[in-house]
Amino acid sequence: MDTLYYDGNCPLCMREFGALARLTDERLKLVDVHTYEPAPGEPSRESMLLRLHLRAADGNWLDGVDATVKAWSHTRWGFLFRPLRWPLLAPLADRAYDYWARRRFDGRYCDSACARPE
C-alpha cells in the first residue's frame, strides 16, 4: 500500500486530498503529517510539510510532483497526471511545484493555521 503524507492544517491541501480520498482506490492511505511521528531514517515532519511525500508500497520515498503523480495514479484520473513526468514536461512541472511549495506559506494559499515549519 502507498502512503501519502499531507498537511492537515492547510485548507488548500485539505481540498485536494479530500477529493483524492473520495476518488482513490484502497491501495492508497492518506496520513496527516501532524498526526504522524516519523521513524528514524524517514523524512522529517518539517520536510514533509515543505514538500508532499509519499512512501510507495516497495518502501521507496517520492516527493513533490513524483508523489502527486503516484498518488493520483490510484484514481481513474491518474492518466491526466502522467504527462507531468514526460521528459519535456517534467522539468517545467518540477519548477512550478518548487515555486508553489516555496510560496505556499505566504498567506496566498494558506491561512494562519498553515504555518511554515521551523
N, C-alpha and C. Protein backbone atom coordinates (compact mmCIF):
# COMPACT_ATOMS: atom_id res chain seq x y z
N MET A 1 0.84 -1.18 0.00
CA MET A 1 0.00 0.00 0.00
C MET A 1 0.89 1.25 0.00
N ASP A 2 0.54 2.21 -0.84
CA ASP A 2 1.23 3.50 -0.85
C ASP A 2 0.64 4.39 0.24
N THR A 3 1.47 5.24 0.84
CA THR A 3 1.01 6.15 1.89
C THR A 3 1.41 7.57 1.53
N LEU A 4 0.43 8.45 1.45
CA LEU A 4 0.65 9.86 1.14
C LEU A 4 0.53 10.67 2.41
N TYR A 5 1.53 11.51 2.67
CA TYR A 5 1.56 12.37 3.86
C TYR A 5 1.22 13.80 3.44
N TYR A 6 0.19 14.36 4.04
CA TYR A 6 -0.28 15.69 3.64
C TYR A 6 -0.40 16.60 4.87
N ASP A 7 -0.50 17.89 4.63
CA ASP A 7 -0.63 18.89 5.69
C ASP A 7 -2.10 19.07 6.01
N GLY A 8 -2.54 18.50 7.11
CA GLY A 8 -3.94 18.57 7.52
C GLY A 8 -4.37 19.93 8.04
N ASN A 9 -3.42 20.86 8.20
CA ASN A 9 -3.76 22.22 8.64
C ASN A 9 -3.92 23.18 7.48
N CYS A 10 -3.65 22.74 6.28
CA CYS A 10 -3.65 23.60 5.09
C CYS A 10 -5.00 23.48 4.38
N PRO A 11 -5.77 24.57 4.29
CA PRO A 11 -7.06 24.50 3.61
C PRO A 11 -6.95 24.04 2.15
N LEU A 12 -5.94 24.51 1.44
CA LEU A 12 -5.76 24.10 0.05
C LEU A 12 -5.47 22.61 -0.05
N CYS A 13 -4.58 22.13 0.82
CA CYS A 13 -4.25 20.70 0.85
C CYS A 13 -5.49 19.87 1.19
N MET A 14 -6.28 20.34 2.14
CA MET A 14 -7.46 19.59 2.55
C MET A 14 -8.46 19.47 1.40
N ARG A 15 -8.59 20.51 0.58
CA ARG A 15 -9.49 20.41 -0.58
C ARG A 15 -8.99 19.36 -1.56
N GLU A 16 -7.69 19.43 -1.90
CA GLU A 16 -7.16 18.47 -2.86
C GLU A 16 -7.23 17.05 -2.33
N PHE A 17 -6.81 16.85 -1.09
CA PHE A 17 -6.73 15.49 -0.58
C PHE A 17 -8.09 14.97 -0.14
N GLY A 18 -9.05 15.87 0.10
CA GLY A 18 -10.43 15.44 0.30
C GLY A 18 -10.97 14.83 -0.98
N ALA A 19 -10.69 15.50 -2.11
CA ALA A 19 -11.11 14.97 -3.41
C ALA A 19 -10.38 13.66 -3.70
N LEU A 20 -9.09 13.62 -3.42
CA LEU A 20 -8.32 12.40 -3.65
C LEU A 20 -8.87 11.24 -2.82
N ALA A 21 -9.22 11.51 -1.56
CA ALA A 21 -9.75 10.47 -0.69
C ALA A 21 -11.06 9.90 -1.23
N ARG A 22 -11.89 10.74 -1.83
CA ARG A 22 -13.16 10.27 -2.40
C ARG A 22 -12.95 9.44 -3.67
N LEU A 23 -11.88 9.72 -4.40
CA LEU A 23 -11.67 9.09 -5.71
C LEU A 23 -10.71 7.90 -5.70
N THR A 24 -9.93 7.77 -4.66
CA THR A 24 -8.85 6.79 -4.66
C THR A 24 -9.35 5.36 -4.42
N ASP A 25 -8.47 4.44 -4.80
CA ASP A 25 -8.74 3.04 -4.52
C ASP A 25 -8.20 2.68 -3.13
N GLU A 26 -8.34 1.43 -2.75
CA GLU A 26 -7.93 1.01 -1.40
C GLU A 26 -6.42 0.82 -1.25
N ARG A 27 -5.65 1.07 -2.31
CA ARG A 27 -4.20 0.89 -2.23
C ARG A 27 -3.45 2.17 -1.87
N LEU A 28 -4.18 3.24 -1.52
CA LEU A 28 -3.56 4.50 -1.09
C LEU A 28 -4.11 4.88 0.27
N LYS A 29 -3.20 5.09 1.18
CA LYS A 29 -3.56 5.54 2.53
C LYS A 29 -3.13 7.00 2.65
N LEU A 30 -4.00 7.84 3.21
CA LEU A 30 -3.69 9.26 3.42
C LEU A 30 -3.44 9.48 4.91
N VAL A 31 -2.31 10.16 5.21
CA VAL A 31 -1.93 10.39 6.61
C VAL A 31 -1.63 11.88 6.79
N ASP A 32 -2.27 12.49 7.79
CA ASP A 32 -1.99 13.87 8.15
C ASP A 32 -0.62 13.91 8.82
N VAL A 33 0.28 14.71 8.29
CA VAL A 33 1.64 14.81 8.83
C VAL A 33 1.62 15.20 10.30
N HIS A 34 0.63 15.98 10.72
CA HIS A 34 0.58 16.46 12.10
C HIS A 34 0.22 15.36 13.08
N THR A 35 -0.27 14.23 12.60
CA THR A 35 -0.61 13.11 13.48
C THR A 35 0.40 11.97 13.34
N TYR A 36 1.49 12.23 12.66
CA TYR A 36 2.46 11.18 12.33
C TYR A 36 3.81 11.50 12.95
N GLU A 37 4.41 10.50 13.55
CA GLU A 37 5.75 10.65 14.11
C GLU A 37 6.71 9.82 13.25
N PRO A 38 7.54 10.51 12.42
CA PRO A 38 8.45 9.77 11.53
C PRO A 38 9.43 8.89 12.32
N ALA A 39 9.68 7.72 11.79
CA ALA A 39 10.66 6.80 12.38
C ALA A 39 12.06 7.24 11.96
N PRO A 40 13.08 6.81 12.70
CA PRO A 40 14.45 7.14 12.29
C PRO A 40 14.70 6.69 10.85
N GLY A 41 15.34 7.56 10.08
CA GLY A 41 15.64 7.27 8.68
C GLY A 41 14.56 7.74 7.72
N GLU A 42 13.40 8.11 8.23
CA GLU A 42 12.33 8.64 7.38
C GLU A 42 12.48 10.15 7.27
N PRO A 43 11.88 10.75 6.24
CA PRO A 43 11.90 12.21 6.15
C PRO A 43 11.28 12.84 7.40
N SER A 44 11.80 13.98 7.81
CA SER A 44 11.28 14.65 8.99
C SER A 44 9.90 15.23 8.73
N ARG A 45 9.17 15.50 9.78
CA ARG A 45 7.87 16.14 9.65
C ARG A 45 8.01 17.49 8.94
N GLU A 46 9.07 18.23 9.25
CA GLU A 46 9.29 19.53 8.63
C GLU A 46 9.48 19.39 7.11
N SER A 47 10.27 18.41 6.68
CA SER A 47 10.45 18.22 5.25
C SER A 47 9.17 17.76 4.58
N MET A 48 8.36 16.97 5.31
CA MET A 48 7.07 16.55 4.76
C MET A 48 6.10 17.72 4.63
N LEU A 49 6.24 18.72 5.49
CA LEU A 49 5.40 19.91 5.39
C LEU A 49 5.85 20.83 4.26
N LEU A 50 7.13 20.81 3.96
CA LEU A 50 7.65 21.68 2.91
C LEU A 50 7.42 21.12 1.51
N ARG A 51 7.34 19.80 1.40
CA ARG A 51 7.11 19.13 0.11
C ARG A 51 6.23 17.91 0.38
N LEU A 52 5.33 17.64 -0.52
CA LEU A 52 4.48 16.47 -0.43
C LEU A 52 5.35 15.22 -0.50
N HIS A 53 5.08 14.25 0.36
CA HIS A 53 5.83 12.99 0.39
C HIS A 53 4.89 11.80 0.29
N LEU A 54 5.37 10.77 -0.37
CA LEU A 54 4.64 9.51 -0.49
C LEU A 54 5.62 8.37 -0.30
N ARG A 55 5.25 7.43 0.57
CA ARG A 55 6.05 6.21 0.72
C ARG A 55 5.34 5.13 -0.10
N ALA A 56 6.03 4.65 -1.12
CA ALA A 56 5.46 3.63 -2.00
C ALA A 56 5.42 2.28 -1.29
N ALA A 57 4.62 1.40 -1.81
CA ALA A 57 4.47 0.07 -1.22
C ALA A 57 5.80 -0.67 -1.12
N ASP A 58 6.73 -0.36 -2.03
CA ASP A 58 8.04 -1.03 -2.01
C ASP A 58 9.01 -0.38 -1.03
N GLY A 59 8.56 0.65 -0.29
CA GLY A 59 9.40 1.30 0.71
C GLY A 59 10.13 2.54 0.21
N ASN A 60 10.14 2.76 -1.09
CA ASN A 60 10.79 3.96 -1.64
C ASN A 60 9.98 5.20 -1.34
N TRP A 61 10.69 6.32 -1.15
CA TRP A 61 10.05 7.60 -0.88
C TRP A 61 10.06 8.45 -2.14
N LEU A 62 8.92 9.08 -2.41
CA LEU A 62 8.78 10.03 -3.51
C LEU A 62 8.35 11.36 -2.91
N ASP A 63 8.74 12.45 -3.56
CA ASP A 63 8.26 13.74 -3.09
C ASP A 63 7.92 14.63 -4.27
N GLY A 64 7.30 15.78 -3.96
CA GLY A 64 6.96 16.75 -4.99
C GLY A 64 6.02 16.19 -6.04
N VAL A 65 6.33 16.49 -7.30
CA VAL A 65 5.48 16.06 -8.42
C VAL A 65 5.43 14.54 -8.51
N ASP A 66 6.54 13.87 -8.23
CA ASP A 66 6.54 12.40 -8.28
C ASP A 66 5.50 11.83 -7.31
N ALA A 67 5.41 12.41 -6.10
CA ALA A 67 4.43 11.96 -5.11
C ALA A 67 3.01 12.24 -5.59
N THR A 68 2.80 13.41 -6.19
CA THR A 68 1.48 13.77 -6.70
C THR A 68 1.03 12.81 -7.79
N VAL A 69 1.90 12.56 -8.74
CA VAL A 69 1.56 11.67 -9.86
C VAL A 69 1.26 10.26 -9.34
N LYS A 70 2.09 9.77 -8.43
CA LYS A 70 1.88 8.43 -7.88
C LYS A 70 0.56 8.37 -7.11
N ALA A 71 0.26 9.38 -6.31
CA ALA A 71 -0.99 9.38 -5.54
C ALA A 71 -2.20 9.37 -6.46
N TRP A 72 -2.19 10.24 -7.46
CA TRP A 72 -3.34 10.31 -8.36
C TRP A 72 -3.44 9.10 -9.28
N SER A 73 -2.37 8.31 -9.38
CA SER A 73 -2.45 7.09 -10.19
C SER A 73 -3.40 6.07 -9.57
N HIS A 74 -3.78 6.29 -8.33
CA HIS A 74 -4.72 5.42 -7.64
C HIS A 74 -6.17 5.80 -7.92
N THR A 75 -6.38 6.73 -8.86
CA THR A 75 -7.73 7.13 -9.24
C THR A 75 -7.93 6.89 -10.74
N ARG A 76 -9.13 7.01 -11.16
CA ARG A 76 -9.38 6.88 -12.60
C ARG A 76 -8.85 8.08 -13.38
N TRP A 77 -8.48 9.15 -12.69
CA TRP A 77 -7.96 10.36 -13.33
C TRP A 77 -6.43 10.37 -13.39
N GLY A 78 -5.78 9.32 -12.99
CA GLY A 78 -4.32 9.27 -12.96
C GLY A 78 -3.66 9.55 -14.30
N PHE A 79 -4.32 9.16 -15.38
CA PHE A 79 -3.74 9.39 -16.71
C PHE A 79 -3.54 10.87 -17.00
N LEU A 80 -4.31 11.74 -16.36
CA LEU A 80 -4.15 13.18 -16.57
C LEU A 80 -2.86 13.72 -15.95
N PHE A 81 -2.33 13.02 -14.96
CA PHE A 81 -1.13 13.47 -14.26
C PHE A 81 0.16 12.89 -14.84
N ARG A 82 0.07 11.77 -15.56
CA ARG A 82 1.26 11.12 -16.12
C ARG A 82 2.11 12.03 -17.01
N PRO A 83 1.52 12.90 -17.82
CA PRO A 83 2.35 13.77 -18.66
C PRO A 83 3.30 14.67 -17.86
N LEU A 84 3.01 14.90 -16.59
CA LEU A 84 3.89 15.73 -15.76
C LEU A 84 5.27 15.08 -15.57
N ARG A 85 5.40 13.81 -15.91
CA ARG A 85 6.69 13.11 -15.80
C ARG A 85 7.32 12.86 -17.15
N TRP A 86 6.68 13.29 -18.24
CA TRP A 86 7.29 13.16 -19.56
C TRP A 86 8.55 14.02 -19.62
N PRO A 87 9.57 13.55 -20.33
CA PRO A 87 10.87 14.25 -20.34
C PRO A 87 10.81 15.75 -20.64
N LEU A 88 9.97 16.18 -21.55
CA LEU A 88 9.92 17.61 -21.86
C LEU A 88 9.11 18.42 -20.85
N LEU A 89 8.13 17.78 -20.21
CA LEU A 89 7.30 18.49 -19.25
C LEU A 89 7.80 18.40 -17.81
N ALA A 90 8.52 17.33 -17.48
CA ALA A 90 8.94 17.11 -16.09
C ALA A 90 9.73 18.28 -15.51
N PRO A 91 10.72 18.84 -16.22
CA PRO A 91 11.45 19.97 -15.63
C PRO A 91 10.56 21.18 -15.37
N LEU A 92 9.61 21.43 -16.25
CA LEU A 92 8.68 22.55 -16.04
C LEU A 92 7.76 22.28 -14.86
N ALA A 93 7.25 21.07 -14.79
CA ALA A 93 6.37 20.71 -13.67
C ALA A 93 7.11 20.80 -12.35
N ASP A 94 8.37 20.34 -12.32
CA ASP A 94 9.17 20.41 -11.10
C ASP A 94 9.42 21.86 -10.68
N ARG A 95 9.74 22.71 -11.64
CA ARG A 95 9.97 24.14 -11.31
C ARG A 95 8.70 24.79 -10.80
N ALA A 96 7.57 24.49 -11.44
CA ALA A 96 6.30 25.05 -10.99
C ALA A 96 5.96 24.57 -9.58
N TYR A 97 6.17 23.29 -9.31
CA TYR A 97 5.91 22.76 -7.97
C TYR A 97 6.83 23.41 -6.95
N ASP A 98 8.12 23.51 -7.26
CA ASP A 98 9.06 24.12 -6.33
C ASP A 98 8.68 25.57 -6.02
N TYR A 99 8.27 26.30 -7.04
CA TYR A 99 7.84 27.69 -6.85
C TYR A 99 6.63 27.74 -5.92
N TRP A 100 5.64 26.90 -6.20
CA TRP A 100 4.44 26.87 -5.37
C TRP A 100 4.78 26.45 -3.94
N ALA A 101 5.60 25.41 -3.78
CA ALA A 101 5.94 24.90 -2.45
C ALA A 101 6.66 25.97 -1.61
N ARG A 102 7.51 26.76 -2.25
CA ARG A 102 8.20 27.83 -1.51
C ARG A 102 7.24 28.93 -1.07
N ARG A 103 6.22 29.18 -1.86
CA ARG A 103 5.28 30.28 -1.59
C ARG A 103 4.01 29.84 -0.88
N ARG A 104 3.87 28.56 -0.62
CA ARG A 104 2.64 28.04 -0.03
C ARG A 104 2.29 28.69 1.29
N PHE A 105 3.28 29.07 2.05
CA PHE A 105 3.03 29.60 3.39
C PHE A 105 2.92 31.12 3.44
N ASP A 106 2.92 31.79 2.31
CA ASP A 106 2.94 33.26 2.34
C ASP A 106 1.56 33.89 2.51
N GLY A 107 0.54 33.10 2.78
CA GLY A 107 -0.80 33.64 3.01
C GLY A 107 -1.69 33.61 1.79
N ARG A 108 -1.13 33.39 0.64
CA ARG A 108 -1.92 33.34 -0.59
C ARG A 108 -2.74 32.05 -0.65
N TYR A 109 -2.17 30.97 -0.19
CA TYR A 109 -2.84 29.67 -0.27
C TYR A 109 -3.28 29.16 1.09
N CYS A 110 -2.59 29.57 2.14
CA CYS A 110 -2.86 29.07 3.48
C CYS A 110 -3.21 30.21 4.40
N ASP A 111 -3.95 29.89 5.45
CA ASP A 111 -4.25 30.91 6.45
C ASP A 111 -3.30 30.72 7.63
N SER A 112 -3.59 31.35 8.76
CA SER A 112 -2.68 31.31 9.90
C SER A 112 -2.53 29.89 10.48
N ALA A 113 -3.48 29.01 10.25
CA ALA A 113 -3.37 27.62 10.75
C ALA A 113 -2.31 26.85 9.98
N CYS A 114 -1.90 27.36 8.85
CA CYS A 114 -0.96 26.69 7.96
C CYS A 114 0.37 27.43 8.07
N ALA A 115 1.11 27.17 9.12
CA ALA A 115 2.34 27.92 9.38
C ALA A 115 3.57 27.18 8.86
N ARG A 116 4.53 27.95 8.35
CA ARG A 116 5.79 27.37 7.86
C ARG A 116 6.48 26.64 9.01
N PRO A 117 6.94 25.42 8.76
CA PRO A 117 7.67 24.69 9.81
C PRO A 117 8.97 25.38 10.16
N GLU A 118 9.37 25.24 11.40
CA GLU A 118 10.61 25.88 11.87
C GLU A 118 11.83 25.18 11.33
